[in-house]
N, C-alpha and C. Protein backbone atom coordinates (compact mmCIF):
# COMPACT_ATOMS: atom_id res chain seq x y z
N MET A 1 44.70 -17.35 -43.69
CA MET A 1 45.85 -18.19 -43.50
C MET A 1 45.39 -19.51 -42.88
N LEU A 2 45.75 -20.58 -43.50
CA LEU A 2 45.42 -21.91 -42.99
C LEU A 2 46.57 -22.44 -42.15
N THR A 3 46.21 -23.08 -41.06
CA THR A 3 47.23 -23.70 -40.22
C THR A 3 46.94 -25.19 -40.14
N THR A 4 47.98 -25.96 -40.04
CA THR A 4 47.82 -27.40 -39.91
C THR A 4 47.71 -27.75 -38.44
N ARG A 5 46.69 -28.47 -38.10
CA ARG A 5 46.50 -28.90 -36.72
C ARG A 5 47.16 -30.24 -36.51
N THR A 6 47.79 -30.38 -35.37
CA THR A 6 48.37 -31.68 -35.03
C THR A 6 47.61 -32.22 -33.83
N PRO A 7 47.32 -33.49 -33.84
CA PRO A 7 46.58 -34.07 -32.71
C PRO A 7 47.43 -34.11 -31.44
N ILE A 8 46.74 -34.09 -30.32
CA ILE A 8 47.41 -34.23 -29.03
C ILE A 8 47.85 -35.67 -28.88
N THR A 9 49.06 -35.84 -28.40
CA THR A 9 49.59 -37.18 -28.20
C THR A 9 49.63 -37.52 -26.71
N VAL A 10 49.88 -38.77 -26.41
CA VAL A 10 50.03 -39.19 -25.01
C VAL A 10 51.20 -38.45 -24.37
N ASP A 11 52.28 -38.25 -25.11
CA ASP A 11 53.42 -37.51 -24.57
C ASP A 11 53.03 -36.08 -24.20
N ASP A 12 52.18 -35.45 -24.99
CA ASP A 12 51.70 -34.11 -24.66
C ASP A 12 50.96 -34.10 -23.33
N LEU A 13 50.13 -35.09 -23.12
CA LEU A 13 49.35 -35.17 -21.88
C LEU A 13 50.25 -35.33 -20.66
N PHE A 14 51.32 -36.08 -20.80
CA PHE A 14 52.25 -36.25 -19.68
C PHE A 14 52.99 -34.97 -19.34
N ARG A 15 53.08 -34.04 -20.28
CA ARG A 15 53.77 -32.77 -20.03
C ARG A 15 52.86 -31.70 -19.43
N LEU A 16 51.57 -31.96 -19.38
CA LEU A 16 50.63 -30.97 -18.84
C LEU A 16 50.69 -30.94 -17.31
N ASP A 17 50.68 -29.74 -16.76
CA ASP A 17 50.48 -29.53 -15.32
C ASP A 17 49.12 -28.87 -15.17
N TRP A 18 48.51 -29.02 -14.01
CA TRP A 18 47.24 -28.36 -13.77
C TRP A 18 47.16 -27.94 -12.31
N LEU A 19 46.17 -27.10 -12.02
CA LEU A 19 45.97 -26.57 -10.68
C LEU A 19 44.68 -27.13 -10.10
N GLU A 20 44.69 -27.30 -8.78
CA GLU A 20 43.48 -27.76 -8.11
C GLU A 20 43.39 -27.17 -6.72
N ASP A 21 42.22 -27.20 -6.17
CA ASP A 21 41.93 -26.82 -4.79
C ASP A 21 42.38 -25.40 -4.42
N PRO A 22 42.02 -24.37 -5.22
CA PRO A 22 42.43 -23.00 -4.85
C PRO A 22 41.71 -22.55 -3.58
N ARG A 23 42.43 -21.83 -2.75
CA ARG A 23 41.89 -21.30 -1.48
C ARG A 23 42.35 -19.86 -1.29
N CYS A 24 41.44 -18.98 -0.92
CA CYS A 24 41.78 -17.59 -0.64
C CYS A 24 42.02 -17.40 0.85
N SER A 25 42.95 -16.51 1.17
CA SER A 25 43.18 -16.17 2.57
C SER A 25 41.97 -15.39 3.08
N PRO A 26 41.77 -15.35 4.40
CA PRO A 26 40.60 -14.64 4.96
C PRO A 26 40.51 -13.17 4.54
N ASP A 27 41.64 -12.51 4.36
CA ASP A 27 41.60 -11.10 3.95
C ASP A 27 41.58 -10.92 2.44
N GLY A 28 41.62 -12.01 1.68
CA GLY A 28 41.55 -11.95 0.22
C GLY A 28 42.84 -11.55 -0.46
N ALA A 29 43.93 -11.42 0.29
CA ALA A 29 45.19 -10.96 -0.29
C ALA A 29 46.00 -12.08 -0.94
N TRP A 30 45.76 -13.32 -0.56
CA TRP A 30 46.56 -14.44 -1.04
C TRP A 30 45.68 -15.56 -1.59
N VAL A 31 46.23 -16.29 -2.53
CA VAL A 31 45.58 -17.49 -3.04
C VAL A 31 46.60 -18.63 -2.95
N ALA A 32 46.19 -19.71 -2.33
CA ALA A 32 47.01 -20.92 -2.28
C ALA A 32 46.35 -21.93 -3.22
N PHE A 33 47.17 -22.70 -3.90
CA PHE A 33 46.64 -23.72 -4.80
C PHE A 33 47.62 -24.88 -4.89
N VAL A 34 47.13 -26.00 -5.34
CA VAL A 34 47.95 -27.18 -5.52
C VAL A 34 48.27 -27.30 -7.01
N ARG A 35 49.55 -27.41 -7.33
CA ARG A 35 49.98 -27.64 -8.71
C ARG A 35 50.27 -29.14 -8.85
N VAL A 36 49.70 -29.76 -9.87
CA VAL A 36 49.84 -31.19 -10.09
C VAL A 36 50.63 -31.42 -11.38
N ALA A 37 51.62 -32.28 -11.29
CA ALA A 37 52.40 -32.68 -12.46
C ALA A 37 52.48 -34.20 -12.49
N VAL A 38 52.61 -34.75 -13.66
CA VAL A 38 52.73 -36.20 -13.81
C VAL A 38 54.20 -36.58 -13.77
N ASP A 39 54.52 -37.52 -12.90
CA ASP A 39 55.86 -38.10 -12.86
C ASP A 39 55.77 -39.41 -13.64
N ARG A 40 56.08 -39.32 -14.90
CA ARG A 40 55.90 -40.46 -15.80
C ARG A 40 56.81 -41.64 -15.42
N LEU A 41 58.03 -41.35 -15.02
CA LEU A 41 58.97 -42.42 -14.68
C LEU A 41 58.52 -43.22 -13.46
N ARG A 42 57.92 -42.54 -12.49
CA ARG A 42 57.47 -43.22 -11.26
C ARG A 42 55.98 -43.59 -11.31
N ASN A 43 55.33 -43.22 -12.41
CA ASN A 43 53.92 -43.55 -12.61
C ASN A 43 53.03 -43.03 -11.48
N ARG A 44 53.19 -41.73 -11.19
CA ARG A 44 52.37 -41.10 -10.15
C ARG A 44 52.28 -39.60 -10.38
N TYR A 45 51.42 -38.97 -9.62
CA TYR A 45 51.29 -37.51 -9.66
C TYR A 45 52.19 -36.91 -8.60
N ARG A 46 52.72 -35.73 -8.89
CA ARG A 46 53.49 -34.97 -7.90
C ARG A 46 52.73 -33.68 -7.64
N ARG A 47 52.45 -33.43 -6.37
CA ARG A 47 51.70 -32.24 -5.98
C ARG A 47 52.58 -31.33 -5.12
N SER A 48 52.39 -30.03 -5.30
CA SER A 48 53.07 -29.06 -4.47
C SER A 48 52.13 -27.88 -4.25
N ILE A 49 52.24 -27.27 -3.08
CA ILE A 49 51.40 -26.12 -2.76
C ILE A 49 52.14 -24.85 -3.18
N TRP A 50 51.42 -23.96 -3.82
CA TRP A 50 51.96 -22.69 -4.26
C TRP A 50 51.14 -21.56 -3.62
N LEU A 51 51.78 -20.43 -3.44
CA LEU A 51 51.15 -19.26 -2.83
C LEU A 51 51.36 -18.07 -3.76
N ALA A 52 50.28 -17.34 -4.05
CA ALA A 52 50.36 -16.19 -4.95
C ALA A 52 49.54 -15.04 -4.39
N PRO A 53 49.99 -13.81 -4.62
CA PRO A 53 49.17 -12.67 -4.23
C PRO A 53 47.95 -12.60 -5.14
N ALA A 54 46.80 -12.32 -4.58
CA ALA A 54 45.55 -12.29 -5.34
C ALA A 54 45.56 -11.20 -6.41
N ASP A 55 46.33 -10.14 -6.21
CA ASP A 55 46.37 -9.06 -7.19
C ASP A 55 47.34 -9.33 -8.34
N GLY A 56 48.07 -10.45 -8.27
CA GLY A 56 48.99 -10.80 -9.35
C GLY A 56 50.24 -9.95 -9.41
N ALA A 57 50.53 -9.20 -8.34
CA ALA A 57 51.67 -8.27 -8.34
C ALA A 57 53.02 -8.97 -8.49
N THR A 58 53.13 -10.17 -7.96
CA THR A 58 54.37 -10.94 -8.10
C THR A 58 54.03 -12.36 -8.52
N ALA A 59 55.03 -13.06 -8.97
CA ALA A 59 54.83 -14.43 -9.43
C ALA A 59 54.52 -15.36 -8.25
N PRO A 60 53.75 -16.42 -8.50
CA PRO A 60 53.52 -17.41 -7.44
C PRO A 60 54.83 -18.01 -6.97
N ARG A 61 54.86 -18.43 -5.71
CA ARG A 61 56.07 -19.09 -5.20
C ARG A 61 55.69 -20.43 -4.60
N ARG A 62 56.60 -21.36 -4.76
CA ARG A 62 56.36 -22.70 -4.25
C ARG A 62 56.45 -22.69 -2.73
N PHE A 63 55.47 -23.28 -2.10
CA PHE A 63 55.38 -23.28 -0.65
C PHE A 63 55.83 -24.62 -0.05
N THR A 64 55.64 -25.71 -0.79
CA THR A 64 56.08 -27.03 -0.35
C THR A 64 56.84 -27.71 -1.47
N ALA A 65 57.62 -28.72 -1.12
CA ALA A 65 58.35 -29.52 -2.09
C ALA A 65 58.37 -30.96 -1.61
N GLY A 66 58.62 -31.86 -2.51
CA GLY A 66 58.71 -33.27 -2.13
C GLY A 66 57.55 -34.07 -2.66
N PRO A 67 57.62 -35.37 -2.53
CA PRO A 67 56.60 -36.23 -3.13
C PRO A 67 55.22 -36.12 -2.47
N ALA A 68 55.15 -35.72 -1.22
CA ALA A 68 53.85 -35.67 -0.53
C ALA A 68 53.52 -34.26 -0.08
N GLY A 69 53.93 -33.26 -0.83
CA GLY A 69 53.77 -31.88 -0.39
C GLY A 69 52.62 -31.14 -1.00
N GLY A 70 51.43 -31.75 -1.08
CA GLY A 70 50.40 -31.02 -1.77
C GLY A 70 48.97 -31.23 -1.34
N ALA A 71 48.64 -30.99 -0.10
CA ALA A 71 47.25 -31.07 0.33
C ALA A 71 46.90 -29.79 1.08
N LEU A 72 45.91 -29.06 0.57
CA LEU A 72 45.50 -27.84 1.26
C LEU A 72 44.41 -28.10 2.29
N ARG A 73 43.61 -29.08 2.07
CA ARG A 73 42.52 -29.36 3.01
C ARG A 73 43.11 -29.80 4.35
N GLY A 74 42.73 -29.10 5.39
CA GLY A 74 43.24 -29.42 6.71
C GLY A 74 44.66 -28.95 6.96
N ALA A 75 45.17 -28.07 6.08
CA ALA A 75 46.57 -27.64 6.19
C ALA A 75 46.73 -26.43 7.11
N GLY A 76 45.67 -25.96 7.72
CA GLY A 76 45.80 -24.79 8.59
C GLY A 76 45.34 -23.53 7.89
N HIS A 77 45.80 -22.39 8.38
CA HIS A 77 45.33 -21.11 7.88
C HIS A 77 46.34 -20.49 6.93
N LEU A 78 45.81 -19.73 5.98
CA LEU A 78 46.64 -18.96 5.07
C LEU A 78 47.01 -17.64 5.74
N PRO A 79 48.03 -16.96 5.24
CA PRO A 79 48.39 -15.66 5.79
C PRO A 79 47.24 -14.67 5.67
N GLY A 80 47.30 -13.61 6.42
CA GLY A 80 46.33 -12.54 6.29
C GLY A 80 45.24 -12.55 7.34
N ARG A 81 45.46 -13.27 8.39
CA ARG A 81 44.45 -13.32 9.44
C ARG A 81 45.03 -12.86 10.74
């Protein structure tokens, strides 16, 4: 079966989100990460910190919200200590 490939467009790139700066809690039970999305209207990135169980038992949950809510470095300790 042949499929037709369509090229990635600039609009596609603006819809992509990605993760950065994953950190594990000291006991290994949790993973915190920064989710990055493009705010095309404001011409900037929006970051938020998310927290997920390392075993994947439940869905990740948003830990911060707002335009400046996404830096894990220097943010203190994760749960599990």
